[in-house]
């Protein structure tokens, strides 16, 4: 197996294990077992679990690049349509893999991973990138006067992220997508004027 294929397989397995068990519960042995690979495979590619977690976060966020382009960054849609489409498409993702529903950044951010400075910085950078996309969307809404006058683009973006992450916790805890349905129904109504 080529080194790049081995790396992709390990990272994919790591994402799955971290989503199920968090950073502390997602040990290297569990990741290797999920990937069906020997221990040497891991250490030949990653000097530490911390480096591996950063690679998993990069791959996880990269997997949503197309979704962001088609939804949040799609200027052919109104800002409200973009947000609704993004929320709906994320729900489809949750339905595909209900056993690992959650946001990898949120899960790692709630576990011991944040005690590792490199992972903490990676998480901050990824959340900042997501927030910038949302701020751009809400600035456009503000320009065309569809953003609620009680919100700034920055506060609307922060609200989306905070509510989304909270809903992902509730989905895992309650084993139902009803918190997400509530988010889809109410969030656009709060953020946009019609």
N, C-alpha and C. Protein backbone atom coordinates (compact mmCIF):
# COMPACT_ATOMS: atom_id res chain seq x y z
N UNK A 1 0.86 -1.18 0.00
CA UNK A 1 0.00 0.00 0.00
C UNK A 1 0.90 1.24 0.00
N UNK A 2 0.60 2.21 -0.86
CA UNK A 2 1.38 3.44 -0.94
C UNK A 2 1.27 4.22 0.37
N UNK A 3 2.34 4.97 0.66
CA UNK A 3 2.38 5.75 1.91
C UNK A 3 1.19 6.71 2.01
N UNK A 4 0.82 7.35 0.89
CA UNK A 4 -0.30 8.30 0.93
C UNK A 4 -1.62 7.57 1.19
N UNK A 5 -1.77 6.34 0.66
CA UNK A 5 -2.98 5.56 0.92
C UNK A 5 -3.05 5.13 2.37
N UNK A 6 -1.91 4.72 2.92
CA UNK A 6 -1.85 4.33 4.33
C UNK A 6 -2.22 5.51 5.21
N UNK A 7 -1.69 6.67 4.88
CA UNK A 7 -1.97 7.88 5.66
C UNK A 7 -3.47 8.21 5.62
N UNK A 8 -4.05 8.18 4.43
CA UNK A 8 -5.48 8.47 4.29
C UNK A 8 -6.33 7.48 5.08
N UNK A 9 -5.97 6.22 5.02
CA UNK A 9 -6.73 5.18 5.72
C UNK A 9 -6.64 5.39 7.24
N UNK A 10 -5.44 5.70 7.73
CA UNK A 10 -5.28 5.94 9.16
C UNK A 10 -6.07 7.18 9.59
N UNK A 11 -5.97 8.25 8.82
CA UNK A 11 -6.66 9.49 9.18
C UNK A 11 -8.17 9.27 9.16
N UNK A 12 -8.67 8.58 8.15
CA UNK A 12 -10.11 8.30 8.08
C UNK A 12 -10.55 7.48 9.29
N UNK A 13 -9.77 6.48 9.65
CA UNK A 13 -10.08 5.67 10.83
C UNK A 13 -10.00 6.51 12.10
N UNK A 14 -9.02 7.39 12.16
CA UNK A 14 -8.87 8.26 13.33
C UNK A 14 -10.06 9.19 13.50
N UNK A 15 -10.55 9.74 12.41
CA UNK A 15 -11.74 10.60 12.47
C UNK A 15 -12.90 9.82 13.06
N UNK A 16 -13.11 8.62 12.57
CA UNK A 16 -14.21 7.79 13.06
C UNK A 16 -14.05 7.47 14.55
N UNK A 17 -12.86 7.09 14.95
CA UNK A 17 -12.61 6.74 16.36
C UNK A 17 -12.76 7.97 17.25
N UNK A 18 -12.21 9.11 16.83
CA UNK A 18 -12.33 10.34 17.63
C UNK A 18 -13.79 10.77 17.75
N UNK A 19 -14.56 10.64 16.66
CA UNK A 19 -15.98 11.00 16.72
C UNK A 19 -16.74 10.12 17.70
N UNK A 20 -16.37 8.84 17.76
CA UNK A 20 -17.05 7.91 18.66
C UNK A 20 -16.59 8.06 20.11
N UNK A 21 -15.27 8.28 20.31
CA UNK A 21 -14.71 8.14 21.65
C UNK A 21 -13.97 9.37 22.16
N UNK A 22 -13.90 10.44 21.39
CA UNK A 22 -13.15 11.61 21.82
C UNK A 22 -11.66 11.40 21.72
N UNK A 23 -10.91 12.37 22.19
CA UNK A 23 -9.45 12.30 22.09
C UNK A 23 -8.87 11.27 23.05
N UNK A 24 -9.28 11.30 24.30
CA UNK A 24 -8.72 10.37 25.28
C UNK A 24 -9.12 8.93 24.98
N UNK A 25 -10.38 8.72 24.60
CA UNK A 25 -10.86 7.37 24.31
C UNK A 25 -10.39 6.85 22.97
N UNK A 26 -9.92 7.74 22.13
CA UNK A 26 -9.46 7.36 20.80
C UNK A 26 -7.98 7.08 20.78
N UNK A 27 -7.59 5.98 21.39
CA UNK A 27 -6.17 5.63 21.46
C UNK A 27 -5.62 5.16 20.13
N UNK A 28 -4.32 5.13 20.05
CA UNK A 28 -3.65 4.71 18.81
C UNK A 28 -4.01 3.27 18.46
N UNK A 29 -4.10 2.41 19.48
CA UNK A 29 -4.46 1.01 19.22
C UNK A 29 -5.85 0.92 18.60
N UNK A 30 -6.80 1.69 19.13
CA UNK A 30 -8.16 1.68 18.57
C UNK A 30 -8.16 2.17 17.13
N UNK A 31 -7.36 3.18 16.84
CA UNK A 31 -7.26 3.72 15.48
C UNK A 31 -6.67 2.68 14.54
N UNK A 32 -5.60 2.01 14.98
CA UNK A 32 -4.97 0.98 14.15
C UNK A 32 -5.92 -0.19 13.93
N UNK A 33 -6.65 -0.58 14.97
CA UNK A 33 -7.63 -1.67 14.81
C UNK A 33 -8.71 -1.29 13.81
N UNK A 34 -9.21 -0.05 13.91
CA UNK A 34 -10.23 0.42 12.96
C UNK A 34 -9.71 0.39 11.53
N UNK A 35 -8.44 0.76 11.37
CA UNK A 35 -7.82 0.79 10.03
C UNK A 35 -7.34 -0.58 9.58
N UNK A 36 -7.23 -1.54 10.53
CA UNK A 36 -6.70 -2.86 10.20
C UNK A 36 -5.24 -2.81 9.81
N UNK A 37 -4.47 -2.02 10.56
CA UNK A 37 -3.06 -1.82 10.22
C UNK A 37 -2.16 -2.07 11.43
N UNK A 38 -0.89 -2.42 11.17
CA UNK A 38 0.05 -2.64 12.27
C UNK A 38 0.55 -1.32 12.87
N UNK A 39 1.08 -1.42 14.09
CA UNK A 39 1.51 -0.25 14.86
C UNK A 39 2.55 0.59 14.11
N UNK A 40 3.46 -0.06 13.42
CA UNK A 40 4.50 0.66 12.71
C UNK A 40 3.95 1.63 11.67
N UNK A 41 2.79 1.32 11.14
CA UNK A 41 2.16 2.19 10.14
C UNK A 41 1.94 3.59 10.71
N UNK A 42 1.52 3.64 11.96
CA UNK A 42 1.22 4.93 12.59
C UNK A 42 2.49 5.74 12.79
N UNK A 43 3.46 5.14 13.45
CA UNK A 43 4.66 5.89 13.83
C UNK A 43 5.57 6.22 12.66
N UNK A 44 5.41 5.52 11.55
CA UNK A 44 6.16 5.88 10.34
C UNK A 44 5.63 7.16 9.72
N UNK A 45 4.38 7.49 10.01
CA UNK A 45 3.74 8.65 9.39
C UNK A 45 3.50 9.82 10.34
N UNK A 46 3.31 9.52 11.62
CA UNK A 46 2.97 10.56 12.60
C UNK A 46 3.88 10.44 13.82
N UNK A 47 4.57 11.52 14.16
CA UNK A 47 5.47 11.46 15.31
C UNK A 47 4.75 11.38 16.66
N UNK A 48 3.46 11.76 16.68
CA UNK A 48 2.73 11.76 17.94
C UNK A 48 1.23 11.73 17.68
N UNK A 49 0.48 11.41 18.72
CA UNK A 49 -0.98 11.43 18.62
C UNK A 49 -1.46 12.86 18.38
N UNK A 50 -0.77 13.84 18.94
CA UNK A 50 -1.11 15.25 18.76
C UNK A 50 -1.01 15.64 17.28
N UNK A 51 0.08 15.26 16.63
CA UNK A 51 0.23 15.53 15.19
C UNK A 51 -0.85 14.82 14.40
N UNK A 52 -1.16 13.61 14.80
CA UNK A 52 -2.20 12.83 14.12
C UNK A 52 -3.56 13.52 14.25
N UNK A 53 -3.89 14.00 15.44
CA UNK A 53 -5.17 14.68 15.65
C UNK A 53 -5.28 15.92 14.77
N UNK A 54 -4.19 16.64 14.61
CA UNK A 54 -4.19 17.83 13.73
C UNK A 54 -4.43 17.41 12.28
N UNK A 55 -3.81 16.32 11.85
CA UNK A 55 -4.04 15.82 10.48
C UNK A 55 -5.49 15.38 10.32
N UNK A 56 -6.05 14.75 11.34
CA UNK A 56 -7.46 14.33 11.28
C UNK A 56 -8.38 15.53 11.17
N UNK A 57 -8.09 16.58 11.93
CA UNK A 57 -8.90 17.81 11.86
C UNK A 57 -8.82 18.43 10.47
N UNK A 58 -7.61 18.51 9.90
CA UNK A 58 -7.46 19.07 8.55
C UNK A 58 -8.27 18.27 7.54
N UNK A 59 -8.19 16.95 7.61
CA UNK A 59 -8.92 16.10 6.67
C UNK A 59 -10.43 16.23 6.86
N UNK A 60 -10.85 16.30 8.11
CA UNK A 60 -12.27 16.43 8.41
C UNK A 60 -12.83 17.72 7.82
N UNK A 61 -12.16 18.83 8.06
CA UNK A 61 -12.64 20.10 7.53
C UNK A 61 -12.53 20.15 6.01
N UNK A 62 -11.49 19.55 5.46
CA UNK A 62 -11.35 19.51 3.99
C UNK A 62 -12.50 18.75 3.36
N UNK A 63 -13.04 17.74 4.07
CA UNK A 63 -14.16 16.96 3.52
C UNK A 63 -15.42 17.80 3.35
N UNK A 64 -15.47 18.95 4.03
CA UNK A 64 -16.63 19.83 3.92
C UNK A 64 -16.38 21.04 3.00
N UNK A 65 -15.23 21.06 2.32
CA UNK A 65 -14.90 22.20 1.45
C UNK A 65 -15.94 22.36 0.35
N UNK A 66 -16.31 21.26 -0.30
CA UNK A 66 -17.30 21.33 -1.37
C UNK A 66 -18.65 21.80 -0.85
N UNK A 67 -19.03 21.31 0.31
CA UNK A 67 -20.30 21.73 0.91
C UNK A 67 -20.30 23.23 1.21
N UNK A 68 -19.21 23.74 1.74
CA UNK A 68 -19.11 25.18 2.02
C UNK A 68 -19.22 25.98 0.72
N UNK A 69 -18.54 25.52 -0.33
CA UNK A 69 -18.58 26.22 -1.62
C UNK A 69 -19.99 26.23 -2.20
N UNK A 70 -20.71 25.11 -2.07
CA UNK A 70 -22.04 24.99 -2.65
C UNK A 70 -23.12 25.69 -1.82
N UNK A 71 -22.81 26.00 -0.58
CA UNK A 71 -23.84 26.56 0.30
C UNK A 71 -23.41 27.93 0.84
N UNK A 72 -22.62 27.96 1.88
CA UNK A 72 -22.28 29.24 2.53
C UNK A 72 -21.62 30.24 1.58
N UNK A 73 -20.83 29.76 0.65
CA UNK A 73 -20.07 30.66 -0.24
C UNK A 73 -20.69 30.78 -1.63
N UNK A 74 -21.89 30.29 -1.82
CA UNK A 74 -22.54 30.27 -3.13
C UNK A 74 -23.29 31.59 -3.34
N UNK A 75 -22.68 32.51 -4.05
CA UNK A 75 -23.27 33.84 -4.23
C UNK A 75 -24.50 33.85 -5.15
N UNK A 76 -24.82 32.71 -5.78
CA UNK A 76 -26.04 32.67 -6.59
C UNK A 76 -27.29 32.49 -5.71
N UNK A 77 -27.09 32.21 -4.44
CA UNK A 77 -28.20 32.08 -3.49
C UNK A 77 -28.24 33.30 -2.58
N UNK A 78 -29.41 33.61 -2.06
CA UNK A 78 -29.50 34.69 -1.08
C UNK A 78 -28.81 34.22 0.21
N UNK A 79 -28.40 35.13 1.07
CA UNK A 79 -27.79 34.70 2.34
C UNK A 79 -28.68 33.75 3.14
N UNK A 80 -29.97 34.01 3.18
CA UNK A 80 -30.90 33.14 3.90
C UNK A 80 -30.94 31.75 3.27
N UNK A 81 -31.01 31.68 1.95
CA UNK A 81 -31.01 30.39 1.25
C UNK A 81 -29.71 29.64 1.50
N UNK A 82 -28.60 30.38 1.53
CA UNK A 82 -27.30 29.74 1.79
C UNK A 82 -27.28 29.07 3.15
N UNK A 83 -27.73 29.80 4.16
CA UNK A 83 -27.71 29.24 5.52
C UNK A 83 -28.65 28.05 5.62
N UNK A 84 -29.86 28.18 5.07
CA UNK A 84 -30.82 27.07 5.12
C UNK A 84 -30.28 25.84 4.39
N UNK A 85 -29.69 26.06 3.23
CA UNK A 85 -29.14 24.94 2.45
C UNK A 85 -27.99 24.28 3.20
N UNK A 86 -27.13 25.10 3.80
CA UNK A 86 -26.01 24.57 4.58
C UNK A 86 -26.52 23.73 5.75
N UNK A 87 -27.50 24.23 6.48
CA UNK A 87 -28.06 23.50 7.61
C UNK A 87 -28.70 22.18 7.14
N UNK A 88 -29.44 22.23 6.06
CA UNK A 88 -30.11 21.04 5.53
C UNK A 88 -29.10 20.00 5.07
N UNK A 89 -28.06 20.43 4.39
CA UNK A 89 -27.04 19.49 3.91
C UNK A 89 -26.27 18.87 5.07
N UNK A 90 -26.05 19.61 6.13
CA UNK A 90 -25.40 19.04 7.30
C UNK A 90 -26.29 18.00 7.96
N UNK A 91 -27.59 18.22 7.92
CA UNK A 91 -28.50 17.23 8.49
C UNK A 91 -28.40 15.93 7.70
N UNK A 92 -28.27 16.02 6.39
CA UNK A 92 -28.10 14.83 5.56
C UNK A 92 -26.84 14.07 5.97
N UNK A 93 -25.78 14.80 6.26
CA UNK A 93 -24.53 14.18 6.72
C UNK A 93 -24.75 13.44 8.04
N UNK A 94 -25.47 14.06 8.96
CA UNK A 94 -25.76 13.45 10.26
C UNK A 94 -26.55 12.17 10.08
N UNK A 95 -27.52 12.19 9.17
CA UNK A 95 -28.36 11.00 8.94
C UNK A 95 -27.57 9.84 8.34
N UNK A 96 -26.52 10.15 7.57
CA UNK A 96 -25.71 9.10 6.96
C UNK A 96 -24.92 8.32 8.00
N UNK A 97 -24.46 9.01 9.05
CA UNK A 97 -23.63 8.37 10.06
C UNK A 97 -24.10 8.75 11.46
N UNK A 98 -25.29 8.31 11.85
CA UNK A 98 -25.83 8.74 13.14
C UNK A 98 -24.99 8.30 14.34
N UNK A 99 -24.27 7.18 14.20
CA UNK A 99 -23.47 6.71 15.32
C UNK A 99 -22.26 7.59 15.61
N UNK A 100 -21.87 8.40 14.63
CA UNK A 100 -20.76 9.32 14.84
C UNK A 100 -21.19 10.77 14.66
N UNK A 101 -22.47 11.03 14.87
CA UNK A 101 -22.97 12.40 14.74
C UNK A 101 -22.20 13.30 15.69
N UNK A 102 -21.85 14.42 15.21
CA UNK A 102 -21.10 15.38 16.01
C UNK A 102 -20.11 16.10 15.14
N UNK A 103 -19.53 17.11 15.69
CA UNK A 103 -18.51 17.88 15.01
C UNK A 103 -17.16 17.49 15.61
N UNK A 104 -16.24 17.04 14.77
CA UNK A 104 -14.94 16.59 15.28
C UNK A 104 -14.24 17.70 16.06
N UNK A 105 -14.31 18.91 15.57
CA UNK A 105 -13.68 20.03 16.29
C UNK A 105 -14.32 20.22 17.67
N UNK A 106 -15.64 20.13 17.71
CA UNK A 106 -16.34 20.27 18.98
C UNK A 106 -16.01 19.14 19.95
N UNK A 107 -15.94 17.92 19.42
CA UNK A 107 -15.64 16.76 20.27
C UNK A 107 -14.21 16.86 20.80
N UNK A 108 -13.27 17.15 19.94
CA UNK A 108 -11.88 17.27 20.41
C UNK A 108 -11.73 18.47 21.34
N UNK A 109 -12.50 19.53 21.07
CA UNK A 109 -12.45 20.71 21.93
C UNK A 109 -13.02 20.48 23.32
N UNK A 110 -13.83 19.45 23.47
CA UNK A 110 -14.42 19.14 24.77
C UNK A 110 -13.61 18.11 25.55
N UNK A 111 -12.64 17.54 24.91
CA UNK A 111 -11.86 16.49 25.57
C UNK A 111 -10.44 16.98 25.82
N UNK A 112 -9.59 16.09 26.21
CA UNK A 112 -8.23 16.44 26.59
C UNK A 112 -7.39 17.05 25.49
N UNK A 113 -7.88 17.00 24.27
CA UNK A 113 -7.10 17.54 23.16
C UNK A 113 -6.76 19.01 23.36
N UNK A 114 -7.63 19.75 24.03
CA UNK A 114 -7.37 21.18 24.19
C UNK A 114 -6.21 21.45 25.15
N UNK A 115 -5.77 20.44 25.84
CA UNK A 115 -4.61 20.61 26.72
C UNK A 115 -3.30 20.49 25.94
N UNK A 116 -3.40 20.18 24.66
CA UNK A 116 -2.25 20.12 23.77
C UNK A 116 -2.27 21.39 22.91
N UNK A 117 -1.29 22.22 23.08
CA UNK A 117 -1.30 23.55 22.45
C UNK A 117 -1.44 23.49 20.93
N UNK A 118 -0.77 22.56 20.30
CA UNK A 118 -0.86 22.48 18.84
C UNK A 118 -2.29 22.17 18.39
N UNK A 119 -2.96 21.27 19.09
CA UNK A 119 -4.35 20.94 18.74
C UNK A 119 -5.25 22.13 19.03
N UNK A 120 -5.03 22.77 20.16
CA UNK A 120 -5.83 23.94 20.52
C UNK A 120 -5.71 25.02 19.45
N UNK A 121 -4.51 25.28 18.98
CA UNK A 121 -4.30 26.29 17.94
C UNK A 121 -4.96 25.87 16.62
N UNK A 122 -4.88 24.58 16.30
CA UNK A 122 -5.53 24.07 15.08
C UNK A 122 -7.05 24.27 15.17
N UNK A 123 -7.63 23.94 16.34
CA UNK A 123 -9.06 24.12 16.54
C UNK A 123 -9.46 25.59 16.39
N UNK A 124 -8.69 26.47 17.00
CA UNK A 124 -8.99 27.91 16.89
C UNK A 124 -8.94 28.37 15.45
N UNK A 125 -7.94 27.92 14.70
CA UNK A 125 -7.82 28.31 13.29
C UNK A 125 -9.00 27.80 12.47
N UNK A 126 -9.43 26.57 12.71
CA UNK A 126 -10.56 26.01 11.95
C UNK A 126 -11.87 26.71 12.30
N UNK A 127 -12.09 26.98 13.58
CA UNK A 127 -13.30 27.72 13.96
C UNK A 127 -13.27 29.13 13.38
N UNK A 128 -12.09 29.77 13.36
CA UNK A 128 -11.98 31.11 12.78
C UNK A 128 -12.30 31.11 11.29
N UNK A 129 -11.86 30.08 10.58
CA UNK A 129 -12.15 29.99 9.14
C UNK A 129 -13.65 29.85 8.92
N UNK A 130 -14.30 29.01 9.69
CA UNK A 130 -15.75 28.82 9.60
C UNK A 130 -16.46 30.13 9.94
N UNK A 131 -16.00 30.81 10.97
CA UNK A 131 -16.61 32.07 11.38
C UNK A 131 -16.46 33.13 10.28
N UNK A 132 -15.32 33.17 9.63
CA UNK A 132 -15.12 34.15 8.53
C UNK A 132 -16.11 33.92 7.39
N UNK A 133 -16.33 32.65 7.03
CA UNK A 133 -17.32 32.35 5.98
C UNK A 133 -18.70 32.86 6.38
N UNK A 134 -19.07 32.63 7.63
CA UNK A 134 -20.37 33.09 8.11
C UNK A 134 -20.45 34.61 8.18
N UNK A 135 -19.39 35.25 8.63
CA UNK A 135 -19.38 36.72 8.69
C UNK A 135 -19.56 37.30 7.29
N UNK A 136 -18.88 36.73 6.31
CA UNK A 136 -19.03 37.21 4.92
C UNK A 136 -20.48 37.08 4.46
N UNK A 137 -21.10 35.95 4.77
CA UNK A 137 -22.50 35.73 4.40
C UNK A 137 -23.39 36.78 5.08
N UNK A 138 -23.16 37.02 6.36
CA UNK A 138 -24.03 37.95 7.09
C UNK A 138 -23.72 39.41 6.75
N UNK A 139 -22.53 39.71 6.30
CA UNK A 139 -22.24 41.08 5.81
C UNK A 139 -23.06 41.35 4.55
N UNK A 140 -23.14 40.34 3.70
CA UNK A 140 -23.96 40.50 2.49
C UNK A 140 -25.42 40.69 2.87
N UNK A 141 -25.89 39.90 3.84
CA UNK A 141 -27.28 40.05 4.30
C UNK A 141 -27.51 41.45 4.87
N UNK A 142 -26.54 41.96 5.57
CA UNK A 142 -26.65 43.31 6.13
C UNK A 142 -26.73 44.37 5.02
N UNK A 143 -25.92 44.18 3.97
CA UNK A 143 -25.93 45.12 2.84
C UNK A 143 -27.28 45.15 2.13
N UNK A 144 -27.91 44.00 2.01
CA UNK A 144 -29.21 43.96 1.33
C UNK A 144 -30.37 44.06 2.32
N UNK A 145 -30.02 44.36 3.55
CA UNK A 145 -30.98 44.63 4.62
C UNK A 145 -31.89 43.45 4.95
N UNK A 146 -31.31 42.25 4.93
CA UNK A 146 -32.08 41.08 5.36
C UNK A 146 -31.56 40.50 6.68
N UNK A 147 -30.47 41.06 7.19
CA UNK A 147 -29.96 40.64 8.50
C UNK A 147 -30.77 41.36 9.57
N UNK A 148 -31.17 40.64 10.59
CA UNK A 148 -31.92 41.26 11.68
C UNK A 148 -31.15 42.47 12.20
N UNK A 149 -31.82 43.60 12.39
CA UNK A 149 -31.13 44.80 12.87
C UNK A 149 -30.59 44.66 14.29
N UNK A 150 -31.00 43.62 14.99
CA UNK A 150 -30.48 43.41 16.35
C UNK A 150 -29.14 42.67 16.34
N UNK A 151 -28.70 42.24 15.15
CA UNK A 151 -27.46 41.47 15.04
C UNK A 151 -26.44 42.19 14.17
N UNK A 152 -25.18 41.94 14.46
CA UNK A 152 -24.09 42.33 13.56
C UNK A 152 -23.68 41.06 12.82
N UNK A 153 -22.96 41.17 11.72
CA UNK A 153 -22.47 39.95 11.06
C UNK A 153 -21.65 39.07 12.00
N UNK A 154 -20.87 39.71 12.85
CA UNK A 154 -20.03 38.97 13.79
C UNK A 154 -20.86 38.24 14.85
N UNK A 155 -21.88 38.92 15.39
CA UNK A 155 -22.70 38.27 16.42
C UNK A 155 -23.55 37.16 15.80
N UNK A 156 -24.02 37.34 14.58
CA UNK A 156 -24.80 36.30 13.91
C UNK A 156 -23.93 35.07 13.67
N UNK A 157 -22.69 35.28 13.22
CA UNK A 157 -21.77 34.16 12.98
C UNK A 157 -21.47 33.42 14.27
N UNK A 158 -21.20 34.16 15.33
CA UNK A 158 -20.93 33.53 16.63
C UNK A 158 -22.13 32.73 17.10
N UNK A 159 -23.33 33.28 16.92
CA UNK A 159 -24.54 32.59 17.34
C UNK A 159 -24.70 31.27 16.59
N UNK A 160 -24.48 31.28 15.28
CA UNK A 160 -24.62 30.05 14.49
C UNK A 160 -23.67 28.98 15.01
N UNK A 161 -22.42 29.36 15.22
CA UNK A 161 -21.43 28.37 15.66
C UNK A 161 -21.77 27.84 17.05
N UNK A 162 -22.10 28.74 17.97
CA UNK A 162 -22.41 28.30 19.33
C UNK A 162 -23.64 27.39 19.36
N UNK A 163 -24.67 27.78 18.63
CA UNK A 163 -25.89 26.96 18.62
C UNK A 163 -25.66 25.62 17.92
N UNK A 164 -24.94 25.65 16.82
CA UNK A 164 -24.64 24.42 16.08
C UNK A 164 -23.89 23.43 16.98
N UNK A 165 -22.85 23.91 17.64
CA UNK A 165 -22.05 23.02 18.49
C UNK A 165 -22.89 22.50 19.66
N UNK A 166 -23.73 23.33 20.23
CA UNK A 166 -24.61 22.88 21.31
C UNK A 166 -25.59 21.83 20.84
N UNK A 167 -26.14 22.03 19.66
CA UNK A 167 -27.09 21.06 19.09
C UNK A 167 -26.39 19.73 18.83
N UNK A 168 -25.14 19.78 18.37
CA UNK A 168 -24.42 18.53 18.11
C UNK A 168 -24.23 17.73 19.40
N UNK A 169 -24.02 18.41 20.51
CA UNK A 169 -23.91 17.73 21.81
C UNK A 169 -25.24 17.08 22.15
N UNK A 170 -26.33 17.82 21.97
CA UNK A 170 -27.67 17.29 22.30
C UNK A 170 -28.01 16.08 21.42
N UNK A 171 -27.63 16.11 20.16
CA UNK A 171 -27.91 14.97 19.27
C UNK A 171 -27.22 13.72 19.80
N UNK A 172 -25.96 13.85 20.19
CA UNK A 172 -25.21 12.70 20.72
C UNK A 172 -25.83 12.21 22.04
N UNK A 173 -26.21 13.15 22.87
CA UNK A 173 -26.72 12.82 24.19
C UNK A 173 -28.11 12.18 24.11
N UNK A 174 -28.97 12.71 23.24
CA UNK A 174 -30.35 12.25 23.15
C UNK A 174 -30.58 11.17 22.10
N UNK A 175 -29.57 10.95 21.24
CA UNK A 175 -29.68 9.97 20.15
C UNK A 175 -30.88 10.24 19.25
N UNK A 176 -31.10 11.51 18.96
CA UNK A 176 -32.16 11.92 18.05
C UNK A 176 -31.74 13.20 17.35
N UNK A 177 -32.26 13.39 16.13
CA UNK A 177 -31.93 14.61 15.39
C UNK A 177 -32.92 15.74 15.65
N UNK A 178 -33.85 15.55 16.56
CA UNK A 178 -34.85 16.60 16.79
C UNK A 178 -34.22 17.94 17.23
N UNK A 179 -33.11 17.97 17.99
CA UNK A 179 -32.50 19.27 18.28
C UNK A 179 -32.03 19.98 17.00
N UNK A 180 -31.56 19.19 16.04
CA UNK A 180 -31.11 19.79 14.78
C UNK A 180 -32.29 20.31 13.97
N UNK A 181 -33.39 19.58 13.99
CA UNK A 181 -34.59 20.05 13.29
C UNK A 181 -35.04 21.39 13.86
N UNK A 182 -34.97 21.51 15.18
CA UNK A 182 -35.31 22.77 15.83
C UNK A 182 -34.39 23.89 15.34
N UNK A 183 -33.11 23.60 15.21
CA UNK A 183 -32.14 24.58 14.72
C UNK A 183 -32.49 25.03 13.30
N UNK A 184 -32.77 24.08 12.44
CA UNK A 184 -33.12 24.41 11.04
C UNK A 184 -34.36 25.29 10.98
N UNK A 185 -35.33 25.00 11.80
CA UNK A 185 -36.60 25.73 11.76
C UNK A 185 -36.49 27.13 12.35
N UNK A 186 -35.71 27.28 13.40
CA UNK A 186 -35.72 28.56 14.13
C UNK A 186 -34.57 29.51 13.80
N UNK A 187 -33.39 28.97 13.50
CA UNK A 187 -32.24 29.85 13.32
C UNK A 187 -32.41 30.88 12.19
N UNK A 188 -32.83 30.48 10.99
CA UNK A 188 -33.03 31.49 9.94
C UNK A 188 -34.08 32.55 10.33
N UNK A 189 -35.08 32.14 11.07
CA UNK A 189 -36.13 33.09 11.50
C UNK A 189 -35.56 34.13 12.47
N UNK A 190 -34.61 33.75 13.28
CA UNK A 190 -33.99 34.67 14.23
C UNK A 190 -33.02 35.62 13.54
N UNK A 191 -32.28 35.10 12.58
CA UNK A 191 -31.19 35.87 11.96
C UNK A 191 -31.67 36.81 10.86
N UNK A 192 -32.64 36.38 10.09
CA UNK A 192 -33.03 37.15 8.90
C UNK A 192 -34.40 37.81 9.09
N UNK A 193 -34.57 38.96 8.43
CA UNK A 193 -35.88 39.59 8.35
C UNK A 193 -36.44 39.26 6.97
N UNK A 194 -37.75 39.14 6.90
CA UNK A 194 -38.38 38.73 5.63
C UNK A 194 -39.34 39.78 5.14
